[in-house]
All heavy atoms as atom14 arrays in JSON, in Angstrom:
{
  "sequence": "PRLTEVGAWRKATVIPYANRDDHQVILPYDN",
  "atom14_mask": [
    [1, 1, 1, 1, 1, 1, 1, 0, 0, 0, 0, 0, 0, 0],
    [1, 1, 1, 1, 1, 1, 1, 1, 1, 1, 1, 0, 0, 0],
    [1, 1, 1, 1, 1, 1, 1, 1, 0, 0, 0, 0, 0, 0],
    [1, 1, 1, 1, 1, 1, 1, 0, 0, 0, 0, 0, 0, 0],
    [1, 1, 1, 1, 1, 1, 1, 1, 1, 0, 0, 0, 0, 0],
    [1, 1, 1, 1, 1, 1, 1, 0, 0, 0, 0, 0, 0, 0],
    [1, 1, 1, 1, 0, 0, 0, 0, 0, 0, 0, 0, 0, 0],
    [1, 1, 1, 1, 1, 0, 0, 0, 0, 0, 0, 0, 0, 0],
    [1, 1, 1, 1, 1, 1, 1, 1, 1, 1, 1, 1, 1, 1],
    [1, 1, 1, 1, 1, 1, 1, 1, 1, 1, 1, 0, 0, 0],
    [1, 1, 1, 1, 1, 1, 1, 1, 1, 0, 0, 0, 0, 0],
    [1, 1, 1, 1, 1, 0, 0, 0, 0, 0, 0, 0, 0, 0],
    [1, 1, 1, 1, 1, 1, 1, 0, 0, 0, 0, 0, 0, 0],
    [1, 1, 1, 1, 1, 1, 1, 0, 0, 0, 0, 0, 0, 0],
    [1, 1, 1, 1, 1, 1, 1, 1, 0, 0, 0, 0, 0, 0],
    [1, 1, 1, 1, 1, 1, 1, 0, 0, 0, 0, 0, 0, 0],
    [1, 1, 1, 1, 1, 1, 1, 1, 1, 1, 1, 1, 0, 0],
    [1, 1, 1, 1, 1, 0, 0, 0, 0, 0, 0, 0, 0, 0],
    [1, 1, 1, 1, 1, 1, 1, 1, 0, 0, 0, 0, 0, 0],
    [1, 1, 1, 1, 1, 1, 1, 1, 1, 1, 1, 0, 0, 0],
    [1, 1, 1, 1, 1, 1, 1, 1, 0, 0, 0, 0, 0, 0],
    [1, 1, 1, 1, 1, 1, 1, 1, 0, 0, 0, 0, 0, 0],
    [1, 1, 1, 1, 1, 1, 1, 1, 1, 1, 0, 0, 0, 0],
    [1, 1, 1, 1, 1, 1, 1, 1, 1, 0, 0, 0, 0, 0],
    [1, 1, 1, 1, 1, 1, 1, 0, 0, 0, 0, 0, 0, 0],
    [1, 1, 1, 1, 1, 1, 1, 1, 0, 0, 0, 0, 0, 0],
    [1, 1, 1, 1, 1, 1, 1, 1, 0, 0, 0, 0, 0, 0],
    [1, 1, 1, 1, 1, 1, 1, 0, 0, 0, 0, 0, 0, 0],
    [1, 1, 1, 1, 1, 1, 1, 1, 1, 1, 1, 1, 0, 0],
    [1, 1, 1, 1, 1, 1, 1, 1, 0, 0, 0, 0, 0, 0],
    [1, 1, 1, 1, 1, 1, 1, 1, 0, 0, 0, 0, 0, 0]
  ],
  "atom14_positions": [
    [[18.36, 8.55, -14.22], [19.32, 7.59, -14.8], [19.75, 6.49, -13.85], [20.14, 5.41, -14.29], [20.5, 8.47, -15.22], [20.36, 9.73, -14.4], [18.91, 9.94, -14.22], [0.0, 0.0, 0.0], [0.0, 0.0, 0.0], [0.0, 0.0, 0.0], [0.0, 0.0, 0.0], [0.0, 0.0, 0.0], [0.0, 0.0, 0.0], [0.0, 0.0, 0.0]],
    [[19.69, 6.74, -12.54], [20.14, 5.71, -11.6], [19.2, 4.5, -11.59], [19.58, 3.42, -11.11], [20.25, 6.29, -10.18], [21.47, 7.18, -9.99], [21.51, 7.79, -8.59], [21.53, 6.79, -7.53], [22.63, 6.17, -7.1], [23.82, 6.46, -7.65], [22.57, 5.28, -6.13], [0.0, 0.0, 0.0], [0.0, 0.0, 0.0], [0.0, 0.0, 0.0]],
    [[18.0, 4.65, -12.15], [17.11, 3.48, -12.22], [17.76, 2.34, -13.01], [17.55, 1.17, -12.7], [15.77, 3.87, -12.84], [14.84, 4.7, -11.95], [13.63, 5.17, -12.75], [14.39, 3.91, -10.72], [0.0, 0.0, 0.0], [0.0, 0.0, 0.0], [0.0, 0.0, 0.0], [0.0, 0.0, 0.0], [0.0, 0.0, 0.0], [0.0, 0.0, 0.0]],
    [[18.53, 2.71, -14.03], [19.23, 1.67, -14.79], [20.72, 1.6, -14.44], [21.33, 0.54, -14.56], [19.06, 1.88, -16.3], [19.27, 3.27, -16.63], [17.65, 1.49, -16.72], [0.0, 0.0, 0.0], [0.0, 0.0, 0.0], [0.0, 0.0, 0.0], [0.0, 0.0, 0.0], [0.0, 0.0, 0.0], [0.0, 0.0, 0.0], [0.0, 0.0, 0.0]],
    [[21.31, 2.7, -14.01], [22.72, 2.64, -13.59], [22.9, 1.75, -12.37], [23.88, 1.01, -12.25], [23.23, 4.05, -13.28], [23.36, 4.95, -14.5], [23.67, 6.39, -14.12], [23.74, 6.68, -12.9], [23.85, 7.22, -15.03], [0.0, 0.0, 0.0], [0.0, 0.0, 0.0], [0.0, 0.0, 0.0], [0.0, 0.0, 0.0], [0.0, 0.0, 0.0]],
    [[21.93, 1.82, -11.46], [21.97, 1.02, -10.23], [20.9, -0.07, -10.25], [21.18, -1.25, -10.01], [21.76, 1.92, -8.98], [21.65, 1.08, -7.71], [22.87, 2.94, -8.86], [0.0, 0.0, 0.0], [0.0, 0.0, 0.0], [0.0, 0.0, 0.0], [0.0, 0.0, 0.0], [0.0, 0.0, 0.0], [0.0, 0.0, 0.0], [0.0, 0.0, 0.0]],
    [[19.67, 0.31, -10.57], [18.54, -0.6, -10.42], [18.49, -1.74, -11.41], [17.75, -2.71, -11.19], [0.0, 0.0, 0.0], [0.0, 0.0, 0.0], [0.0, 0.0, 0.0], [0.0, 0.0, 0.0], [0.0, 0.0, 0.0], [0.0, 0.0, 0.0], [0.0, 0.0, 0.0], [0.0, 0.0, 0.0], [0.0, 0.0, 0.0], [0.0, 0.0, 0.0]],
    [[19.26, -1.66, -12.5], [19.23, -2.73, -13.51], [20.2, -3.86, -13.21], [20.27, -4.82, -13.98], [19.51, -2.15, -14.89], [0.0, 0.0, 0.0], [0.0, 0.0, 0.0], [0.0, 0.0, 0.0], [0.0, 0.0, 0.0], [0.0, 0.0, 0.0], [0.0, 0.0, 0.0], [0.0, 0.0, 0.0], [0.0, 0.0, 0.0], [0.0, 0.0, 0.0]],
    [[20.95, -3.76, -12.11], [22.05, -4.71, -11.89], [22.0, -5.26, -10.47], [21.83, -4.53, -9.51], [23.39, -4.02, -12.12], [23.42, -3.29, -13.43], [23.11, -1.98, -13.66], [23.68, -3.87, -14.71], [23.19, -1.69, -15.0], [23.54, -2.84, -15.68], [24.04, -5.15, -15.14], [23.74, -3.05, -17.03], [24.24, -5.37, -16.5], [24.09, -4.32, -17.42]],
    [[22.16, -6.57, -10.35], [22.27, -7.19, -9.03], [23.61, -7.91, -8.93], [24.19, -8.33, -9.94], [21.11, -8.14, -8.75], [20.95, -9.31, -9.71], [19.76, -10.18, -9.27], [19.56, -11.36, -10.1], [18.62, -11.5, -11.05], [17.79, -10.49, -11.29], [18.52, -12.62, -11.73], [0.0, 0.0, 0.0], [0.0, 0.0, 0.0], [0.0, 0.0, 0.0]],
    [[24.07, -8.08, -7.71], [25.4, -8.64, -7.49], [25.46, -10.13, -7.74], [26.51, -10.66, -8.13], [25.84, -8.35, -6.05], [26.0, -6.88, -5.73], [26.36, -6.68, -4.26], [26.51, -5.21, -3.92], [26.81, -5.01, -2.48], [0.0, 0.0, 0.0], [0.0, 0.0, 0.0], [0.0, 0.0, 0.0], [0.0, 0.0, 0.0], [0.0, 0.0, 0.0]],
    [[24.37, -10.83, -7.49], [24.37, -12.28, -7.6], [22.93, -12.76, -7.62], [22.0, -12.0, -7.36], [25.12, -12.91, -6.42], [0.0, 0.0, 0.0], [0.0, 0.0, 0.0], [0.0, 0.0, 0.0], [0.0, 0.0, 0.0], [0.0, 0.0, 0.0], [0.0, 0.0, 0.0], [0.0, 0.0, 0.0], [0.0, 0.0, 0.0], [0.0, 0.0, 0.0]],
    [[22.75, -14.05, -7.95], [21.42, -14.65, -8.0], [21.44, -15.93, -7.17], [22.41, -16.7, -7.23], [21.03, -14.98, -9.44], [21.07, -13.77, -10.22], [19.62, -15.55, -9.5], [0.0, 0.0, 0.0], [0.0, 0.0, 0.0], [0.0, 0.0, 0.0], [0.0, 0.0, 0.0], [0.0, 0.0, 0.0], [0.0, 0.0, 0.0], [0.0, 0.0, 0.0]],
    [[20.38, -16.15, -6.41], [20.31, -17.34, -5.57], [20.38, -18.6, -6.44], [19.85, -18.65, -7.55], [19.01, -17.33, -4.74], [17.78, -17.51, -5.61], [19.06, -18.37, -3.64], [0.0, 0.0, 0.0], [0.0, 0.0, 0.0], [0.0, 0.0, 0.0], [0.0, 0.0, 0.0], [0.0, 0.0, 0.0], [0.0, 0.0, 0.0], [0.0, 0.0, 0.0]],
    [[21.07, -19.61, -5.95], [21.13, -20.9, -6.64], [19.83, -21.64, -6.34], [19.51, -21.88, -5.18], [22.36, -21.72, -6.17], [23.65, -20.95, -6.55], [22.36, -23.11, -6.79], [24.91, -21.56, -5.99], [0.0, 0.0, 0.0], [0.0, 0.0, 0.0], [0.0, 0.0, 0.0], [0.0, 0.0, 0.0], [0.0, 0.0, 0.0], [0.0, 0.0, 0.0]],
    [[19.07, -22.01, -7.35], [17.68, -22.4, -7.11], [17.48, -23.63, -6.25], [16.52, -23.7, -5.5], [17.13, -22.64, -8.51], [18.31, -22.8, -9.39], [19.38, -21.97, -8.78], [0.0, 0.0, 0.0], [0.0, 0.0, 0.0], [0.0, 0.0, 0.0], [0.0, 0.0, 0.0], [0.0, 0.0, 0.0], [0.0, 0.0, 0.0], [0.0, 0.0, 0.0]],
    [[18.38, -24.6, -6.29], [18.12, -25.83, -5.53], [18.11, -25.59, -4.03], [17.49, -26.32, -3.28], [19.13, -26.91, -5.91], [19.01, -27.24, -7.36], [19.9, -26.74, -8.3], [17.91, -27.98, -7.82], [19.74, -26.99, -9.64], [17.74, -28.24, -9.17], [18.66, -27.75, -10.06], [18.48, -27.99, -11.4], [0.0, 0.0, 0.0], [0.0, 0.0, 0.0]],
    [[18.79, -24.57, -3.59], [18.78, -24.25, -2.16], [17.5, -23.54, -1.76], [17.28, -23.28, -0.59], [19.98, -23.38, -1.82], [0.0, 0.0, 0.0], [0.0, 0.0, 0.0], [0.0, 0.0, 0.0], [0.0, 0.0, 0.0], [0.0, 0.0, 0.0], [0.0, 0.0, 0.0], [0.0, 0.0, 0.0], [0.0, 0.0, 0.0], [0.0, 0.0, 0.0]],
    [[16.66, -23.26, -2.73], [15.46, -22.46, -2.46], [14.2, -23.31, -2.61], [13.12, -22.78, -2.78], [15.41, -21.29, -3.45], [14.6, -20.14, -2.92], [14.38, -20.03, -1.73], [14.18, -19.26, -3.82], [0.0, 0.0, 0.0], [0.0, 0.0, 0.0], [0.0, 0.0, 0.0], [0.0, 0.0, 0.0], [0.0, 0.0, 0.0], [0.0, 0.0, 0.0]],
    [[14.36, -24.65, -2.53], [13.21, -25.5, -2.82], [12.71, -26.21, -1.58], [11.78, -25.77, -0.94], [13.56, -26.5, -3.92], [12.41, -27.43, -4.25], [12.09, -27.38, -5.71], [11.13, -28.41, -6.06], [9.87, -28.18, -6.32], [9.39, -26.96, -6.25], [9.05, -29.16, -6.64], [0.0, 0.0, 0.0], [0.0, 0.0, 0.0], [0.0, 0.0, 0.0]],
    [[13.36, -27.31, -1.19], [12.81, -28.14, -0.13], [13.62, -28.15, 1.17], [13.13, -28.58, 2.2], [12.69, -29.6, -0.62], [11.68, -29.72, -1.76], [10.66, -29.02, -1.7], [11.95, -30.48, -2.7], [0.0, 0.0, 0.0], [0.0, 0.0, 0.0], [0.0, 0.0, 0.0], [0.0, 0.0, 0.0], [0.0, 0.0, 0.0], [0.0, 0.0, 0.0]],
    [[14.88, -27.69, 1.11], [15.7, -27.84, 2.3], [15.57, -26.67, 3.27], [16.03, -26.74, 4.4], [17.17, -28.06, 1.93], [17.71, -26.97, 1.02], [17.03, -25.93, 0.86], [18.81, -27.16, 0.48], [0.0, 0.0, 0.0], [0.0, 0.0, 0.0], [0.0, 0.0, 0.0], [0.0, 0.0, 0.0], [0.0, 0.0, 0.0], [0.0, 0.0, 0.0]],
    [[14.96, -25.57, 2.82], [14.67, -24.42, 3.69], [15.92, -23.93, 4.43], [15.88, -23.66, 5.63], [13.57, -24.78, 4.69], [12.31, -25.26, 4.05], [11.5, -24.43, 3.3], [11.73, -26.48, 4.02], [10.47, -25.13, 2.85], [10.58, -26.37, 3.25], [0.0, 0.0, 0.0], [0.0, 0.0, 0.0], [0.0, 0.0, 0.0], [0.0, 0.0, 0.0]],
    [[17.01, -23.84, 3.72], [18.22, -23.33, 4.35], [18.03, -21.88, 4.77], [17.42, -21.08, 4.06], [19.4, -23.43, 3.39], [19.81, -24.87, 3.08], [21.07, -24.91, 2.24], [21.82, -23.94, 2.21], [21.3, -26.03, 1.58], [0.0, 0.0, 0.0], [0.0, 0.0, 0.0], [0.0, 0.0, 0.0], [0.0, 0.0, 0.0], [0.0, 0.0, 0.0]],
    [[18.58, -21.55, 5.93], [18.5, -20.17, 6.41], [19.42, -19.28, 5.59], [19.07, -18.16, 5.22], [18.87, -20.1, 7.91], [18.89, -18.64, 8.37], [17.89, -20.91, 8.74], [0.0, 0.0, 0.0], [0.0, 0.0, 0.0], [0.0, 0.0, 0.0], [0.0, 0.0, 0.0], [0.0, 0.0, 0.0], [0.0, 0.0, 0.0], [0.0, 0.0, 0.0]],
    [[20.62, -19.75, 5.3], [21.57, -19.01, 4.48], [21.56, -19.62, 3.09], [22.01, -20.75, 2.89], [22.98, -19.05, 5.08], [22.97, -18.46, 6.49], [23.96, -18.3, 4.19], [24.3, -18.56, 7.21], [0.0, 0.0, 0.0], [0.0, 0.0, 0.0], [0.0, 0.0, 0.0], [0.0, 0.0, 0.0], [0.0, 0.0, 0.0], [0.0, 0.0, 0.0]],
    [[21.04, -18.89, 2.12], [20.93, -19.41, 0.77], [22.22, -19.15, 0.0], [22.76, -18.04, 0.03], [19.77, -18.73, 0.04], [18.38, -18.95, 0.65], [17.36, -18.1, -0.1], [17.99, -20.41, 0.6], [0.0, 0.0, 0.0], [0.0, 0.0, 0.0], [0.0, 0.0, 0.0], [0.0, 0.0, 0.0], [0.0, 0.0, 0.0], [0.0, 0.0, 0.0]],
    [[22.75, -20.15, -0.69], [23.95, -19.9, -1.5], [23.62, -19.14, -2.78], [22.57, -19.36, -3.39], [24.43, -21.32, -1.82], [23.22, -22.17, -1.74], [22.33, -21.55, -0.71], [0.0, 0.0, 0.0], [0.0, 0.0, 0.0], [0.0, 0.0, 0.0], [0.0, 0.0, 0.0], [0.0, 0.0, 0.0], [0.0, 0.0, 0.0], [0.0, 0.0, 0.0]],
    [[24.52, -18.24, -3.15], [24.35, -17.44, -4.36], [25.45, -17.79, -5.35], [26.5, -18.32, -4.99], [24.39, -15.94, -4.01], [23.13, -15.45, -3.35], [22.87, -15.76, -2.02], [22.19, -14.71, -4.04], [21.71, -15.33, -1.4], [21.02, -14.28, -3.44], [20.79, -14.58, -2.11], [19.63, -14.16, -1.51], [0.0, 0.0, 0.0], [0.0, 0.0, 0.0]],
    [[25.21, -17.46, -6.63], [26.18, -17.82, -7.66], [27.33, -16.83, -7.78], [28.31, -17.09, -8.48], [25.48, -17.98, -9.01], [24.78, -16.71, -9.5], [25.0, -15.63, -8.91], [24.0, -16.8, -10.46], [0.0, 0.0, 0.0], [0.0, 0.0, 0.0], [0.0, 0.0, 0.0], [0.0, 0.0, 0.0], [0.0, 0.0, 0.0], [0.0, 0.0, 0.0]],
    [[27.21, -15.67, -7.11], [28.26, -14.63, -7.14], [28.56, -14.15, -8.55], [29.68, -13.72, -8.84], [29.54, -15.13, -6.46], [29.33, -15.42, -4.98], [28.66, -14.64, -4.3], [29.85, -16.53, -4.5], [0.0, 0.0, 0.0], [0.0, 0.0, 0.0], [0.0, 0.0, 0.0], [0.0, 0.0, 0.0], [0.0, 0.0, 0.0], [0.0, 0.0, 0.0]]
  ]
}
């Protein structure tokens, strides 16, 4: 059951524009 109790959920998702051309070391997330 933990596959969906834990594995189905993430805390945040990376904001895509920071993941394209600027190559930031610390990527901002949407929280």
